[in-house]
Each structure stands twice: as C-alpha cells, then as structure tokens.
Amino acid sequence: AKSVMYSVDFEEIKKLQHDNSWDEATELMIKGAQYIEKGGADFLVICTNTMHKMANDIQNEISIPILHIADATAKRIKDKGISRVGLLGTKFTMEEDFYKGRLIANHNLKVNIPGEKERQTVHDIIYKELCLGKINLNSKRAYQKIINGLINDGIEGAILGCTEISLLINQNDTSLPIFDTTEIHAQTAVDWSLELS
C-alpha cells in the first residue's frame, strides 16, 4: 500500500510522558499528523496505544479520520462475543480514561485492570525491558500471573494494550482469548485501505 510515515524519537516521547509534559507531546503528535495529512494520506494511524491519549486533540487539528486503536480492538472483542476484558498496558493506558473509558462509553465493554502493584510491574517491564528489546522469561511469568489474577476477577479476554507486550505474551501463553492491539490495528488499517482503493 502507498503510505506516508512520520517517525518520532521515542526517547523524547518517553521523557515527556514521565515528566507529565503531555501538552508538549501533543504538539509533537499534531505536527506529525499534519505532515501525514499534507502527504496525501486518507486516514491516520497512531502506532501506539498510550499516545491515543491525545487522539481527540489531534483529530481537532486535521481533517482526515484517525483509526483509533481502541475502536479497532473493541470491534474484534465484540465480534468474539466477549463483554468483560482485562487491560494491560502502560500505567497511563491502564489508569486514565482516554482508553478504558472509550471502551466502556463507546463500546459498552466492562474493563478490569490489575491492582496497583501489578500495574507498576506491567509498566516497568514495558519501559525497562520491552522498549529496549529485552525479552525476559521471568517477566513473561509475571505477566501470566497478572492475567491469571484478572481471570479470577471474571474477565473473558485480555487486551495487550501496549504495542510491545506481544513481544512477551501471545495466545500460546494463556487459555484466555488475547487481543493483540498491534496486530488488530495493523489489520484494520489494511481493511480501511482496501475499502478506499
């Protein structure tokens, strides 16, 4: 497919995230989205879960639609007949409403997140290992234990709500249906592209 890509320096984004400098991060994302639009794209794909935090702000500054990763994931979940899911991701994604709130309000899903200690574990493994390309068996076991805890809370499926988590966990690691947002988002982008061609 013909595509236009704007890549950012993740180290810069990570620093802005952890410094709570979301306004500055939003400005960077809007600038990138405007470059994409000027490049002739029909729609925008933000290739990260956490940075959907500013999806509405970005959408307000461009005229092409955003393929929202949470909407694509919710459709796949509902197609499977599932209504209660667990959400793993960065602390921003798990704790704030921009993602889970959208799943609840726009898609009528019930969303469980791990406890505070477990959320920190998930977050730390993402930033200190997965983002650096480190795959650790003990971290895989920690994620499996956290998913099992959510199963005990009654979830029917688990969202891998960070694009790096699928480096560590896949469907073979649990009997529960896994929703890999990276794969779902990419496949939905292909579907959108084919519909427009």
Protein backbone atom coordinates (compact mmCIF):
# COMPACT_ATOMS: atom_id res chain seq x y z
CA ALA A 1 0.00 0.00 0.00
CA LYS A 2 1.06 3.57 -0.56
CA SER A 3 1.69 5.16 2.82
CA VAL A 4 3.17 8.23 4.46
CA MET A 5 5.07 7.76 7.72
CA TYR A 6 6.23 10.24 10.32
CA SER A 7 8.53 8.72 12.93
CA VAL A 8 9.32 10.30 16.29
CA ASP A 9 12.23 9.83 18.68
CA PHE A 10 10.75 7.53 21.32
CA GLU A 11 13.27 8.61 23.96
CA GLU A 12 11.96 12.16 23.63
CA ILE A 13 8.35 10.96 23.88
CA LYS A 14 9.12 8.73 26.89
CA LYS A 15 10.71 11.66 28.71
CA LEU A 16 7.69 13.87 28.02
CA GLN A 17 5.34 11.13 29.24
CA HIS A 18 7.16 10.60 32.50
CA ASP A 19 7.67 14.34 33.06
CA ASN A 20 3.90 14.79 32.65
CA SER A 21 4.58 17.15 29.72
CA TRP A 22 1.57 16.00 27.76
CA ASP A 23 0.93 19.39 26.13
CA GLU A 24 4.36 19.32 24.53
CA ALA A 25 3.89 15.70 23.47
CA THR A 26 0.52 16.64 21.96
CA GLU A 27 2.14 19.42 19.94
CA LEU A 28 4.67 16.95 18.53
CA MET A 29 1.92 14.50 17.63
CA ILE A 30 -0.24 17.15 15.98
CA LYS A 31 2.73 18.32 13.91
CA GLY A 32 3.38 14.75 12.78
CA ALA A 33 -0.30 14.20 11.94
CA GLN A 34 -0.39 17.39 9.88
CA TYR A 35 2.66 16.20 7.90
CA ILE A 36 0.85 12.92 7.26
CA GLU A 37 -2.25 14.73 6.06
CA LYS A 38 -0.22 17.07 3.81
CA GLY A 39 1.47 13.98 2.38
CA GLY A 40 -1.89 12.90 0.99
CA ALA A 41 -2.99 10.21 3.45
CA ASP A 42 -6.69 9.28 3.58
CA PHE A 43 -6.58 8.46 7.30
CA LEU A 44 -4.17 8.45 10.24
CA VAL A 45 -2.91 5.51 12.28
CA ILE A 46 -1.22 6.39 15.59
CA CYS A 47 1.03 3.35 16.06
CA THR A 48 0.96 3.27 19.85
CA ASN A 49 -1.73 2.77 22.47
CA THR A 50 -0.55 5.33 25.02
CA MET A 51 -0.31 8.23 22.58
CA HIS A 52 -4.02 7.85 21.81
CA LYS A 53 -4.28 9.94 24.98
CA MET A 54 -4.21 12.95 22.64
CA ALA A 55 -6.21 11.43 19.76
CA ASN A 56 -9.09 13.87 20.18
CA ASP A 57 -6.73 16.87 20.21
CA ILE A 58 -5.03 15.57 17.07
CA GLN A 59 -8.35 14.90 15.36
CA ASN A 60 -9.37 18.51 16.00
CA GLU A 61 -6.33 19.73 14.04
CA ILE A 62 -6.65 17.52 10.93
CA SER A 63 -9.47 16.76 8.52
CA ILE A 64 -8.68 13.09 7.83
CA PRO A 65 -10.06 10.47 10.25
CA ILE A 66 -8.00 8.69 12.88
CA LEU A 67 -8.27 4.91 13.01
CA HIS A 68 -8.46 4.65 16.80
CA ILE A 69 -6.71 1.58 18.18
CA ALA A 70 -9.27 1.13 20.97
CA ASP A 71 -12.17 1.15 18.49
CA ALA A 72 -10.49 -1.45 16.27
CA THR A 73 -9.78 -3.62 19.33
CA ALA A 74 -13.30 -3.22 20.72
CA LYS A 75 -14.80 -4.39 17.43
CA ARG A 76 -12.67 -7.54 17.50
CA ILE A 77 -13.63 -8.19 21.14
CA LYS A 78 -17.34 -7.80 20.43
CA ASP A 79 -17.07 -9.97 17.29
CA LYS A 80 -15.90 -12.73 19.66
CA GLY A 81 -18.98 -12.23 21.86
CA ILE A 82 -16.91 -11.00 24.80
CA SER A 83 -18.05 -8.22 27.12
CA ARG A 84 -15.58 -8.24 30.06
CA VAL A 85 -11.89 -7.80 29.34
CA GLY A 86 -8.67 -7.20 31.23
CA LEU A 87 -6.41 -4.37 30.08
CA LEU A 88 -2.62 -4.48 30.25
CA GLY A 89 -0.53 -1.53 29.10
CA THR A 90 1.43 1.41 30.39
CA LYS A 91 0.16 2.94 33.63
CA PHE A 92 -1.16 5.82 31.52
CA THR A 93 -3.25 3.43 29.41
CA MET A 94 -4.47 1.33 32.34
CA GLU A 95 -5.21 4.12 34.79
CA GLU A 96 -6.50 7.01 32.70
CA ASP A 97 -9.85 7.19 30.92
CA PHE A 98 -8.71 8.01 27.37
CA TYR A 99 -8.52 4.29 26.56
CA LYS A 100 -10.54 2.22 29.00
CA GLY A 101 -13.14 5.00 29.24
CA ARG A 102 -13.58 4.82 25.46
CA LEU A 103 -14.01 1.04 25.62
CA ILE A 104 -16.66 1.46 28.31
CA ALA A 105 -18.55 4.51 26.99
CA ASN A 106 -18.37 3.90 23.22
CA HIS A 107 -18.44 0.10 23.15
CA ASN A 108 -20.26 -0.94 26.33
CA LEU A 109 -17.41 -3.19 27.47
CA LYS A 110 -16.53 -3.94 31.08
CA VAL A 111 -12.81 -3.33 31.66
CA ASN A 112 -10.74 -4.69 34.54
CA ILE A 113 -7.20 -3.56 35.27
CA PRO A 114 -4.62 -5.17 37.58
CA GLY A 115 -4.02 -3.94 41.12
CA GLU A 116 -1.64 -1.06 41.79
CA LYS A 117 1.47 -3.20 42.38
CA GLU A 118 0.75 -5.31 39.31
CA ARG A 119 0.17 -2.18 37.18
CA GLN A 120 3.61 -0.93 38.18
CA THR A 121 5.13 -4.29 37.24
CA VAL A 122 3.46 -4.23 33.80
CA HIS A 123 4.58 -0.62 33.25
CA ASP A 124 8.17 -1.21 34.34
CA ILE A 125 8.57 -4.28 32.13
CA ILE A 126 7.37 -2.27 29.14
CA TYR A 127 9.74 0.66 29.61
CA LYS A 128 12.76 -1.04 31.19
CA GLU A 129 12.76 -4.21 29.09
CA LEU A 130 10.43 -4.47 26.09
CA CYS A 131 11.10 -0.96 24.72
CA LEU A 132 14.80 -1.86 24.87
CA GLY A 133 14.30 -5.19 23.09
CA LYS A 134 14.88 -7.25 26.24
CA ILE A 135 12.75 -10.41 26.49
CA ASN A 136 12.87 -11.95 29.97
CA LEU A 137 11.28 -15.28 30.90
CA ASN A 138 10.61 -14.11 34.44
CA SER A 139 8.74 -11.10 33.06
CA LYS A 140 6.63 -13.40 30.88
CA ARG A 141 5.76 -15.40 34.00
CA ALA A 142 4.89 -12.18 35.85
CA TYR A 143 2.51 -11.17 33.05
CA GLN A 144 0.95 -14.64 33.02
CA LYS A 145 0.39 -14.41 36.78
CA ILE A 146 -1.21 -10.98 36.39
CA ILE A 147 -3.51 -12.25 33.62
CA ASN A 148 -4.46 -15.22 35.82
CA GLY A 149 -5.37 -12.79 38.59
CA LEU A 150 -7.68 -10.96 36.18
CA ILE A 151 -9.22 -14.28 35.15
CA ASN A 152 -10.13 -14.79 38.81
CA ASP A 153 -11.88 -11.39 38.60
CA GLY A 154 -14.09 -12.73 35.79
CA ILE A 155 -12.53 -11.41 32.59
CA GLU A 156 -13.27 -13.29 29.36
CA GLY A 157 -10.34 -11.92 27.34
CA ALA A 158 -7.19 -9.83 27.76
CA ILE A 159 -6.13 -6.76 25.79
CA LEU A 160 -2.41 -6.41 25.17
CA GLY A 161 -2.80 -2.63 25.29
CA CYS A 162 0.78 -1.69 24.51
CA THR A 163 2.40 -2.39 21.16
CA GLU A 164 5.44 -4.01 22.82
CA ILE A 165 3.60 -6.55 25.01
CA SER A 166 3.16 -9.00 22.14
CA LEU A 167 6.96 -9.41 22.16
CA LEU A 168 6.48 -11.18 25.50
CA ILE A 169 2.95 -12.64 25.55
CA ASN A 170 0.93 -14.35 22.84
CA GLN A 171 -2.07 -16.64 22.57
CA ASN A 172 0.05 -19.71 23.41
CA ASP A 173 0.75 -18.28 26.87
CA THR A 174 -2.82 -18.40 28.18
CA SER A 175 -6.09 -20.20 27.52
CA LEU A 176 -7.89 -16.84 27.60
CA PRO A 177 -8.54 -15.05 24.28
CA ILE A 178 -5.77 -12.48 23.77
CA PHE A 179 -6.34 -9.26 21.82
CA ASP A 180 -3.04 -8.02 20.41
CA THR A 181 -3.72 -4.36 19.66
CA THR A 182 -0.66 -4.09 17.40
CA GLU A 183 -1.90 -6.82 15.09
CA ILE A 184 -5.55 -5.73 15.26
CA HIS A 185 -4.69 -2.11 14.46
CA ALA A 186 -2.50 -3.09 11.50
CA GLN A 187 -5.09 -5.49 10.08
CA THR A 188 -7.84 -2.88 10.45
CA ALA A 189 -5.64 -0.31 8.67
CA VAL A 190 -5.29 -2.74 5.78
CA ASP A 191 -9.07 -3.21 5.70
CA TRP A 192 -9.62 0.56 5.64
CA SER A 193 -7.05 0.95 2.86
CA LEU A 194 -8.68 -1.74 0.74
CA GLU A 195 -12.10 -0.16 1.22
CA LEU A 196 -10.73 3.17 -0.02
CA SER A 197 -8.93 1.74 -3.07
